[in-house]
């Protein structure tokens, strides 16, 4: 079992920055794929960025060049640095851990990000 706790959401003006953090408890974080997803009301949850255990990063097209995902295996944390935020980035952001060996997925509780124009 993995528990995920997020922090760092909030209200920011367009063009501003936010850094989301997620702390994981449980085992096997260092061999897990981690990531961030987001969801707006009435829409499906969509991928923002992922990072594999081998440090391969994958970004949604809207995130490329503006968002950066990082992980610290010693601290079992993952962060999402978001720059040049736009009103369309307003959503609830969820951190995510996937353990391939057991095919288990875990989600954080979500943190609200609101970008005002």
N, C-alpha and C. Protein backbone atom coordinates (compact mmCIF):
# COMPACT_ATOMS: atom_id res chain seq x y z
N UNK A 1 0.83 -1.20 0.00
CA UNK A 1 0.00 0.00 0.00
C UNK A 1 0.86 1.24 0.00
N UNK A 2 0.41 2.24 -0.72
CA UNK A 2 1.09 3.53 -0.79
C UNK A 2 0.08 4.61 -0.48
N UNK A 3 0.43 5.50 0.43
CA UNK A 3 -0.41 6.68 0.70
C UNK A 3 0.30 7.90 0.16
N UNK A 4 -0.45 8.77 -0.48
CA UNK A 4 0.09 9.96 -1.11
C UNK A 4 -0.57 11.20 -0.54
N UNK A 5 0.24 12.16 -0.17
CA UNK A 5 -0.26 13.42 0.36
C UNK A 5 0.32 14.57 -0.45
N UNK A 6 -0.58 15.38 -1.01
CA UNK A 6 -0.16 16.48 -1.87
C UNK A 6 -0.21 17.80 -1.13
N UNK A 7 0.56 18.73 -1.63
CA UNK A 7 0.52 20.10 -1.12
C UNK A 7 0.98 21.04 -2.21
N UNK A 8 0.70 22.32 -2.01
CA UNK A 8 1.24 23.32 -2.91
C UNK A 8 0.26 23.96 -3.86
N UNK A 9 -0.98 23.50 -3.89
CA UNK A 9 -1.94 24.14 -4.76
C UNK A 9 -2.32 25.52 -4.24
N UNK A 10 -3.12 26.23 -5.04
CA UNK A 10 -3.56 27.54 -4.61
C UNK A 10 -4.02 28.39 -5.75
N UNK A 11 -4.11 29.68 -5.48
CA UNK A 11 -4.56 30.65 -6.47
C UNK A 11 -3.37 31.47 -6.94
N UNK A 12 -3.25 31.61 -8.24
CA UNK A 12 -2.14 32.36 -8.80
C UNK A 12 -2.64 33.10 -10.03
N UNK A 13 -2.02 34.22 -10.33
CA UNK A 13 -2.38 34.96 -11.53
C UNK A 13 -1.73 34.34 -12.76
N UNK A 14 -2.34 34.56 -13.89
CA UNK A 14 -1.78 34.08 -15.15
C UNK A 14 -0.35 34.58 -15.30
N UNK A 15 0.52 33.68 -15.75
CA UNK A 15 1.93 34.00 -15.88
C UNK A 15 2.75 33.65 -14.65
N UNK A 16 2.07 33.34 -13.57
CA UNK A 16 2.76 33.01 -12.34
C UNK A 16 3.19 31.55 -12.29
N UNK A 17 3.73 31.16 -11.13
CA UNK A 17 4.27 29.82 -10.94
C UNK A 17 3.72 29.21 -9.67
N UNK A 18 3.66 27.88 -9.68
CA UNK A 18 3.33 27.12 -8.48
C UNK A 18 4.18 25.86 -8.50
N UNK A 19 4.45 25.36 -7.30
CA UNK A 19 5.16 24.08 -7.19
C UNK A 19 4.30 23.14 -6.35
N UNK A 20 3.91 22.05 -6.94
CA UNK A 20 3.15 21.02 -6.24
C UNK A 20 4.12 19.96 -5.71
N UNK A 21 3.81 19.46 -4.53
CA UNK A 21 4.63 18.41 -3.94
C UNK A 21 3.74 17.25 -3.51
N UNK A 22 4.32 16.08 -3.53
CA UNK A 22 3.59 14.88 -3.13
C UNK A 22 4.56 13.99 -2.35
N UNK A 23 4.14 13.59 -1.16
CA UNK A 23 4.95 12.71 -0.33
C UNK A 23 4.29 11.35 -0.26
N UNK A 24 5.09 10.33 -0.53
CA UNK A 24 4.58 8.96 -0.54
C UNK A 24 5.05 8.21 0.69
N UNK A 25 4.17 7.43 1.26
CA UNK A 25 4.55 6.51 2.32
C UNK A 25 4.27 5.09 1.83
N UNK A 26 5.04 4.16 2.28
CA UNK A 26 4.92 2.80 1.76
C UNK A 26 6.21 2.41 1.09
N UNK A 27 6.19 1.29 0.44
CA UNK A 27 7.43 0.73 -0.09
C UNK A 27 7.50 0.85 -1.60
N UNK A 28 8.68 0.61 -2.09
CA UNK A 28 8.96 0.47 -3.53
C UNK A 28 8.78 1.77 -4.31
N UNK A 29 8.87 2.91 -3.66
CA UNK A 29 8.74 4.17 -4.39
C UNK A 29 9.82 4.28 -5.45
N UNK A 30 11.03 3.84 -5.13
CA UNK A 30 12.14 4.05 -6.05
C UNK A 30 12.03 3.23 -7.33
N UNK A 31 11.21 2.20 -7.35
CA UNK A 31 11.05 1.41 -8.57
C UNK A 31 9.68 1.63 -9.20
N UNK A 32 9.02 2.68 -8.76
CA UNK A 32 7.68 2.99 -9.29
C UNK A 32 7.75 4.06 -10.35
N UNK A 33 6.78 4.05 -11.23
CA UNK A 33 6.54 5.20 -12.11
C UNK A 33 5.67 6.18 -11.33
N UNK A 34 6.02 7.44 -11.40
CA UNK A 34 5.27 8.47 -10.68
C UNK A 34 4.77 9.49 -11.69
N UNK A 35 3.78 10.23 -11.27
CA UNK A 35 3.26 11.21 -12.22
C UNK A 35 2.25 12.16 -11.61
N UNK A 36 1.82 13.07 -12.44
CA UNK A 36 0.79 14.05 -12.10
C UNK A 36 -0.29 14.02 -13.17
N UNK A 37 -1.52 14.06 -12.73
CA UNK A 37 -2.68 14.16 -13.59
C UNK A 37 -3.52 15.34 -13.13
N UNK A 38 -4.45 15.77 -13.97
CA UNK A 38 -5.34 16.85 -13.55
C UNK A 38 -6.74 16.59 -14.08
N UNK A 39 -7.68 17.24 -13.44
CA UNK A 39 -9.08 17.04 -13.81
C UNK A 39 -9.87 18.30 -13.54
N UNK A 40 -10.67 18.69 -14.52
CA UNK A 40 -11.63 19.78 -14.33
C UNK A 40 -13.01 19.17 -14.23
N UNK A 41 -13.95 19.82 -13.58
CA UNK A 41 -15.29 19.25 -13.42
C UNK A 41 -15.92 18.90 -14.75
N UNK A 42 -16.47 17.70 -14.83
CA UNK A 42 -17.16 17.28 -16.04
C UNK A 42 -16.25 16.70 -17.11
N UNK A 43 -14.95 16.67 -16.84
CA UNK A 43 -14.01 16.15 -17.82
C UNK A 43 -13.26 14.95 -17.25
N UNK A 44 -12.63 14.21 -18.14
CA UNK A 44 -11.83 13.06 -17.70
C UNK A 44 -10.51 13.55 -17.12
N UNK A 45 -9.97 12.74 -16.23
CA UNK A 45 -8.64 13.04 -15.71
C UNK A 45 -7.63 12.89 -16.84
N UNK A 46 -6.72 13.84 -16.95
CA UNK A 46 -5.75 13.79 -18.03
C UNK A 46 -4.33 13.84 -17.49
N UNK A 47 -3.44 13.20 -18.24
CA UNK A 47 -2.05 13.15 -17.86
C UNK A 47 -1.40 14.52 -17.99
N UNK A 48 -0.58 14.85 -17.00
CA UNK A 48 0.23 16.06 -17.08
C UNK A 48 1.68 15.68 -17.36
N UNK A 49 2.22 14.80 -16.51
CA UNK A 49 3.62 14.38 -16.67
C UNK A 49 3.84 13.10 -15.89
N UNK A 50 4.75 12.29 -16.39
CA UNK A 50 5.16 11.09 -15.66
C UNK A 50 6.68 10.98 -15.67
N UNK A 51 7.19 10.23 -14.71
CA UNK A 51 8.62 9.97 -14.63
C UNK A 51 8.81 8.53 -14.19
N UNK A 52 9.54 7.77 -14.99
CA UNK A 52 9.74 6.36 -14.67
C UNK A 52 10.84 6.21 -13.62
N UNK A 53 11.00 4.97 -13.17
CA UNK A 53 12.08 4.68 -12.23
C UNK A 53 13.44 4.93 -12.87
N UNK A 54 13.51 4.83 -14.18
CA UNK A 54 14.75 5.12 -14.90
C UNK A 54 14.90 6.58 -15.29
N UNK A 55 14.03 7.43 -14.73
CA UNK A 55 14.09 8.89 -14.92
C UNK A 55 13.67 9.34 -16.32
N UNK A 56 12.99 8.49 -17.04
CA UNK A 56 12.43 8.94 -18.32
C UNK A 56 11.19 9.78 -18.03
N UNK A 57 11.14 10.95 -18.58
CA UNK A 57 10.03 11.87 -18.35
C UNK A 57 9.15 11.96 -19.59
N UNK A 58 7.87 12.09 -19.36
CA UNK A 58 6.90 12.22 -20.43
C UNK A 58 5.95 13.35 -20.05
N UNK A 59 5.71 14.26 -20.97
CA UNK A 59 4.86 15.41 -20.70
C UNK A 59 3.72 15.49 -21.71
N UNK A 60 2.56 15.93 -21.24
CA UNK A 60 1.49 16.28 -22.15
C UNK A 60 1.95 17.49 -22.96
N UNK A 61 1.37 17.65 -24.14
CA UNK A 61 1.80 18.73 -25.02
C UNK A 61 1.64 20.09 -24.35
N UNK A 62 0.58 20.26 -23.56
CA UNK A 62 0.35 21.56 -22.93
C UNK A 62 1.36 21.85 -21.83
N UNK A 63 2.02 20.80 -21.34
CA UNK A 63 2.96 20.96 -20.23
C UNK A 63 4.41 21.17 -20.69
N UNK A 64 4.69 20.78 -21.89
CA UNK A 64 6.08 20.86 -22.38
C UNK A 64 6.56 22.30 -22.38
N UNK A 65 7.74 22.49 -21.81
CA UNK A 65 8.34 23.82 -21.78
C UNK A 65 7.87 24.69 -20.63
N UNK A 66 6.80 24.27 -19.94
CA UNK A 66 6.30 25.08 -18.82
C UNK A 66 6.35 24.32 -17.50
N UNK A 67 6.14 23.01 -17.54
CA UNK A 67 6.09 22.20 -16.33
C UNK A 67 7.29 21.27 -16.27
N UNK A 68 7.74 20.98 -15.05
CA UNK A 68 8.86 20.07 -14.85
C UNK A 68 8.53 19.12 -13.70
N UNK A 69 8.62 17.83 -13.98
CA UNK A 69 8.40 16.83 -12.94
C UNK A 69 9.76 16.36 -12.41
N UNK A 70 9.85 16.24 -11.09
CA UNK A 70 11.06 15.72 -10.47
C UNK A 70 10.67 14.76 -9.36
N UNK A 71 11.61 13.90 -9.02
CA UNK A 71 11.38 12.96 -7.94
C UNK A 71 12.63 12.86 -7.08
N UNK A 72 12.42 12.55 -5.82
CA UNK A 72 13.52 12.31 -4.89
C UNK A 72 13.23 10.96 -4.23
N UNK A 73 13.95 9.95 -4.66
CA UNK A 73 13.68 8.61 -4.15
C UNK A 73 14.06 8.46 -2.68
N UNK A 74 15.06 9.20 -2.24
CA UNK A 74 15.47 9.11 -0.83
C UNK A 74 14.36 9.64 0.09
N UNK A 75 13.70 10.68 -0.36
CA UNK A 75 12.62 11.28 0.44
C UNK A 75 11.24 10.75 0.05
N UNK A 76 11.18 9.96 -1.03
CA UNK A 76 9.90 9.45 -1.54
C UNK A 76 8.95 10.60 -1.84
N UNK A 77 9.45 11.56 -2.59
CA UNK A 77 8.62 12.71 -2.97
C UNK A 77 8.67 12.91 -4.47
N UNK A 78 7.64 13.51 -4.98
CA UNK A 78 7.64 13.96 -6.37
C UNK A 78 7.05 15.35 -6.41
N UNK A 79 7.59 16.17 -7.27
CA UNK A 79 7.18 17.55 -7.39
C UNK A 79 6.78 17.86 -8.83
N UNK A 80 6.00 18.91 -8.95
CA UNK A 80 5.66 19.43 -10.27
C UNK A 80 5.84 20.94 -10.21
N UNK A 81 6.85 21.42 -10.89
CA UNK A 81 7.07 22.87 -11.00
C UNK A 81 6.29 23.36 -12.21
N UNK A 82 5.42 24.31 -11.99
CA UNK A 82 4.57 24.83 -13.07
C UNK A 82 4.85 26.32 -13.24
N UNK A 83 5.30 26.68 -14.42
CA UNK A 83 5.62 28.07 -14.74
C UNK A 83 4.70 28.58 -15.84
N UNK A 84 4.62 29.89 -15.95
CA UNK A 84 3.81 30.52 -16.99
C UNK A 84 2.40 29.93 -17.01
N UNK A 85 1.80 29.90 -15.87
CA UNK A 85 0.48 29.29 -15.75
C UNK A 85 -0.57 30.09 -16.50
N UNK A 86 -1.55 29.36 -17.02
CA UNK A 86 -2.62 29.95 -17.80
C UNK A 86 -3.96 29.60 -17.16
N UNK A 87 -5.00 30.40 -17.41
CA UNK A 87 -6.31 30.05 -16.83
C UNK A 87 -6.76 28.63 -17.18
N UNK A 88 -6.38 28.14 -18.35
CA UNK A 88 -6.75 26.77 -18.75
C UNK A 88 -6.07 25.71 -17.90
N UNK A 89 -5.08 26.09 -17.11
CA UNK A 89 -4.43 25.13 -16.21
C UNK A 89 -5.22 24.93 -14.92
N UNK A 90 -6.28 25.70 -14.75
CA UNK A 90 -7.11 25.55 -13.55
C UNK A 90 -7.72 24.15 -13.51
N UNK A 91 -7.46 23.44 -12.43
CA UNK A 91 -7.92 22.06 -12.29
C UNK A 91 -7.54 21.54 -10.91
N UNK A 92 -8.02 20.36 -10.59
CA UNK A 92 -7.52 19.63 -9.43
C UNK A 92 -6.38 18.74 -9.93
N UNK A 93 -5.25 18.83 -9.28
CA UNK A 93 -4.08 18.07 -9.67
C UNK A 93 -3.87 16.91 -8.70
N UNK A 94 -3.61 15.74 -9.29
CA UNK A 94 -3.45 14.52 -8.51
C UNK A 94 -2.06 13.92 -8.75
N UNK A 95 -1.41 13.52 -7.69
CA UNK A 95 -0.18 12.76 -7.88
C UNK A 95 -0.54 11.28 -7.95
N UNK A 96 0.38 10.52 -8.53
CA UNK A 96 0.08 9.16 -8.97
C UNK A 96 1.35 8.32 -8.85
N UNK A 97 1.17 7.11 -8.36
CA UNK A 97 2.28 6.16 -8.29
C UNK A 97 1.79 4.85 -8.88
N UNK A 98 2.58 4.29 -9.78
CA UNK A 98 2.24 3.01 -10.40
C UNK A 98 3.37 2.03 -10.15
N UNK A 99 2.99 0.87 -9.60
CA UNK A 99 3.96 -0.18 -9.34
C UNK A 99 3.71 -1.31 -10.34
N UNK A 100 4.61 -1.42 -11.30
CA UNK A 100 4.42 -2.36 -12.41
C UNK A 100 4.40 -3.80 -11.97
N UNK A 101 5.24 -4.16 -11.01
CA UNK A 101 5.33 -5.57 -10.62
C UNK A 101 4.00 -6.10 -10.08
N UNK A 102 3.29 -5.27 -9.35
CA UNK A 102 2.02 -5.70 -8.79
C UNK A 102 0.83 -5.12 -9.56
N UNK A 103 1.12 -4.28 -10.57
CA UNK A 103 0.08 -3.62 -11.36
C UNK A 103 -0.88 -2.84 -10.46
N UNK A 104 -0.33 -2.15 -9.47
CA UNK A 104 -1.13 -1.35 -8.56
C UNK A 104 -0.93 0.13 -8.84
N UNK A 105 -2.02 0.88 -8.76
CA UNK A 105 -1.98 2.33 -8.94
C UNK A 105 -2.49 3.01 -7.68
N UNK A 106 -1.88 4.12 -7.35
CA UNK A 106 -2.27 4.87 -6.16
C UNK A 106 -2.41 6.34 -6.52
N UNK A 107 -3.37 6.99 -5.88
CA UNK A 107 -3.66 8.39 -6.17
C UNK A 107 -3.66 9.21 -4.90
N UNK A 108 -3.20 10.45 -5.03
CA UNK A 108 -3.35 11.39 -3.94
C UNK A 108 -4.77 11.92 -3.88
N UNK A 109 -5.03 12.75 -2.89
CA UNK A 109 -6.39 13.27 -2.69
C UNK A 109 -6.72 14.44 -3.60
N UNK A 110 -5.71 14.98 -4.25
CA UNK A 110 -5.92 16.09 -5.16
C UNK A 110 -5.69 17.43 -4.49
N UNK A 111 -5.16 18.36 -5.25
CA UNK A 111 -4.95 19.72 -4.77
C UNK A 111 -5.42 20.70 -5.84
N UNK A 112 -6.16 21.70 -5.43
CA UNK A 112 -6.76 22.64 -6.38
C UNK A 112 -5.74 23.68 -6.82
N UNK A 113 -5.67 23.86 -8.11
CA UNK A 113 -4.88 24.94 -8.70
C UNK A 113 -5.84 25.84 -9.47
N UNK A 114 -5.83 27.11 -9.14
CA UNK A 114 -6.70 28.07 -9.80
C UNK A 114 -5.84 29.20 -10.35
N UNK A 115 -5.96 29.44 -11.65
CA UNK A 115 -5.19 30.48 -12.31
C UNK A 115 -6.16 31.56 -12.78
N UNK A 116 -5.99 32.75 -12.28
CA UNK A 116 -6.88 33.85 -12.64
C UNK A 116 -6.29 34.64 -13.80
N UNK A 117 -7.17 35.19 -14.61
CA UNK A 117 -6.72 35.95 -15.79
C UNK A 117 -6.51 37.41 -15.46
